[in-house]
Amino acid sequence: MGRHIRLALKRLKEEMEVLSHE
C-alpha cells in the first residue's frame, strides 16, 4: 500500500514540476 502511494506521489510531483515550468 505504501509503495503505491509513494509512486503516485512521485509521479504527481514530477507532473507538477513540468506544469510549473511551462
PDB file of N, CA and C in Angstrom:
ATOM      1  N   MET A   1       0.840  -1.200   0.000  1.00  0.00           N
ATOM      2  CA  MET A   1       0.000   0.000   0.000  1.00  0.00           C
ATOM      3  C   MET A   1       0.881   1.259   0.000  1.00  0.00           C
ATOM      4  N   GLY A   2       1.823   1.313   0.905  1.00  0.00           N
ATOM      5  CA  GLY A   2       2.717   2.478   0.963  1.00  0.00           C
ATOM      6  C   GLY A   2       3.471   2.678  -0.340  1.00  0.00           C
ATOM      7  N   ARG A   3       3.841   1.549  -0.959  1.00  0.00           N
ATOM      8  CA  ARG A   3       4.594   1.652  -2.222  1.00  0.00           C
ATOM      9  C   ARG A   3       3.765   2.360  -3.284  1.00  0.00           C
ATOM     10  N   HIS A   4       2.495   1.992  -3.375  1.00  0.00           N
ATOM     11  CA  HIS A   4       1.625   2.599  -4.386  1.00  0.00           C
ATOM     12  C   HIS A   4       1.509   4.108  -4.174  1.00  0.00           C
ATOM     13  N   ILE A   5       1.299   4.491  -2.929  1.00  0.00           N
ATOM     14  CA  ILE A   5       1.144   5.923  -2.620  1.00  0.00           C
ATOM     15  C   ILE A   5       2.427   6.668  -2.962  1.00  0.00           C
ATOM     16  N   ARG A   6       3.561   6.065  -2.607  1.00  0.00           N
ATOM     17  CA  ARG A   6       4.840   6.735  -2.859  1.00  0.00           C
ATOM     18  C   ARG A   6       5.037   6.927  -4.358  1.00  0.00           C
ATOM     19  N   LEU A   7       4.729   5.903  -5.140  1.00  0.00           N
ATOM     20  CA  LEU A   7       4.898   6.004  -6.600  1.00  0.00           C
ATOM     21  C   LEU A   7       3.965   7.078  -7.158  1.00  0.00           C
ATOM     22  N   ALA A   8       2.736   7.086  -6.680  1.00  0.00           N
ATOM     23  CA  ALA A   8       1.765   8.072  -7.163  1.00  0.00           C
ATOM     24  C   ALA A   8       2.231   9.483  -6.826  1.00  0.00           C
ATOM     25  N   LEU A   9       2.724   9.673  -5.603  1.00  0.00           N
ATOM     26  CA  LEU A   9       3.196  10.998  -5.197  1.00  0.00           C
ATOM     27  C   LEU A   9       4.382  11.425  -6.042  1.00  0.00           C
ATOM     28  N   LYS A  10       5.263  10.472  -6.331  1.00  0.00           N
ATOM     29  CA  LYS A  10       6.447  10.798  -7.133  1.00  0.00           C
ATOM     30  C   LYS A  10       6.027  11.270  -8.524  1.00  0.00           C
ATOM     31  N   ARG A  11       5.103  10.548  -9.135  1.00  0.00           N
ATOM     32  CA  ARG A  11       4.642  10.930 -10.477  1.00  0.00           C
ATOM     33  C   ARG A  11       3.931  12.273 -10.431  1.00  0.00           C
ATOM     34  N   LEU A  12       3.103  12.461  -9.407  1.00  0.00           N
ATOM     35  CA  LEU A  12       2.370  13.714  -9.280  1.00  0.00           C
ATOM     36  C   LEU A  12       3.347  14.883  -9.133  1.00  0.00           C
ATOM     37  N   LYS A  13       4.375  14.684  -8.318  1.00  0.00           N
ATOM     38  CA  LYS A  13       5.367  15.742  -8.100  1.00  0.00           C
ATOM     39  C   LYS A  13       6.059  16.091  -9.413  1.00  0.00           C
ATOM     40  N   GLU A  14       6.435  15.079 -10.171  1.00  0.00           N
ATOM     41  CA  GLU A  14       7.115  15.328 -11.446  1.00  0.00           C
ATOM     42  C   GLU A  14       6.199  16.096 -12.394  1.00  0.00           C
ATOM     43  N   GLU A  15       4.934  15.698 -12.452  1.00  0.00           N
ATOM     44  CA  GLU A  15       3.996  16.372 -13.349  1.00  0.00           C
ATOM     45  C   GLU A  15       3.794  17.823 -12.921  1.00  0.00           C
ATOM     46  N   MET A  16       3.711  18.059 -11.615  1.00  0.00           N
ATOM     47  CA  MET A  16       3.523  19.416 -11.107  1.00  0.00           C
ATOM     48  C   MET A  16       4.709  20.284 -11.499  1.00  0.00           C
ATOM     49  N   GLU A  17       5.916  19.728 -11.395  1.00  0.00           N
ATOM     50  CA  GLU A  17       7.116  20.495 -11.751  1.00  0.00           C
ATOM     51  C   GLU A  17       7.084  20.856 -13.231  1.00  0.00           C
ATOM     52  N   VAL A  18       6.705  19.896 -14.062  1.00  0.00           N
ATOM     53  CA  VAL A  18       6.646  20.145 -15.505  1.00  0.00           C
ATOM     54  C   VAL A  18       5.617  21.234 -15.806  1.00  0.00           C
ATOM     55  N   LEU A  19       4.473  21.165 -15.114  1.00  0.00           N
ATOM     56  CA  LEU A  19       3.428  22.160 -15.353  1.00  0.00           C
ATOM     57  C   LEU A  19       3.894  23.538 -14.909  1.00  0.00           C
ATOM     58  N   SER A  20       4.581  23.617 -13.793  1.00  0.00           N
ATOM     59  CA  SER A  20       5.019  24.915 -13.284  1.00  0.00           C
ATOM     60  C   SER A  20       6.138  25.488 -14.130  1.00  0.00           C
ATOM     61  N   HIS A  21       6.829  24.647 -14.864  1.00  0.00           N
ATOM     62  CA  HIS A  21       7.910  25.154 -15.726  1.00  0.00           C
ATOM     63  C   HIS A  21       7.330  25.843 -16.953  1.00  0.00           C
ATOM     64  N   GLU A  22       6.173  25.367 -17.412  1.00  0.00           N
ATOM     65  CA  GLU A  22       5.592  25.957 -18.629  1.00  0.00           C
ATOM     66  C   GLU A  22       4.795  27.206 -18.318  1.00  0.00           C
TER      67      GLU A  22
END
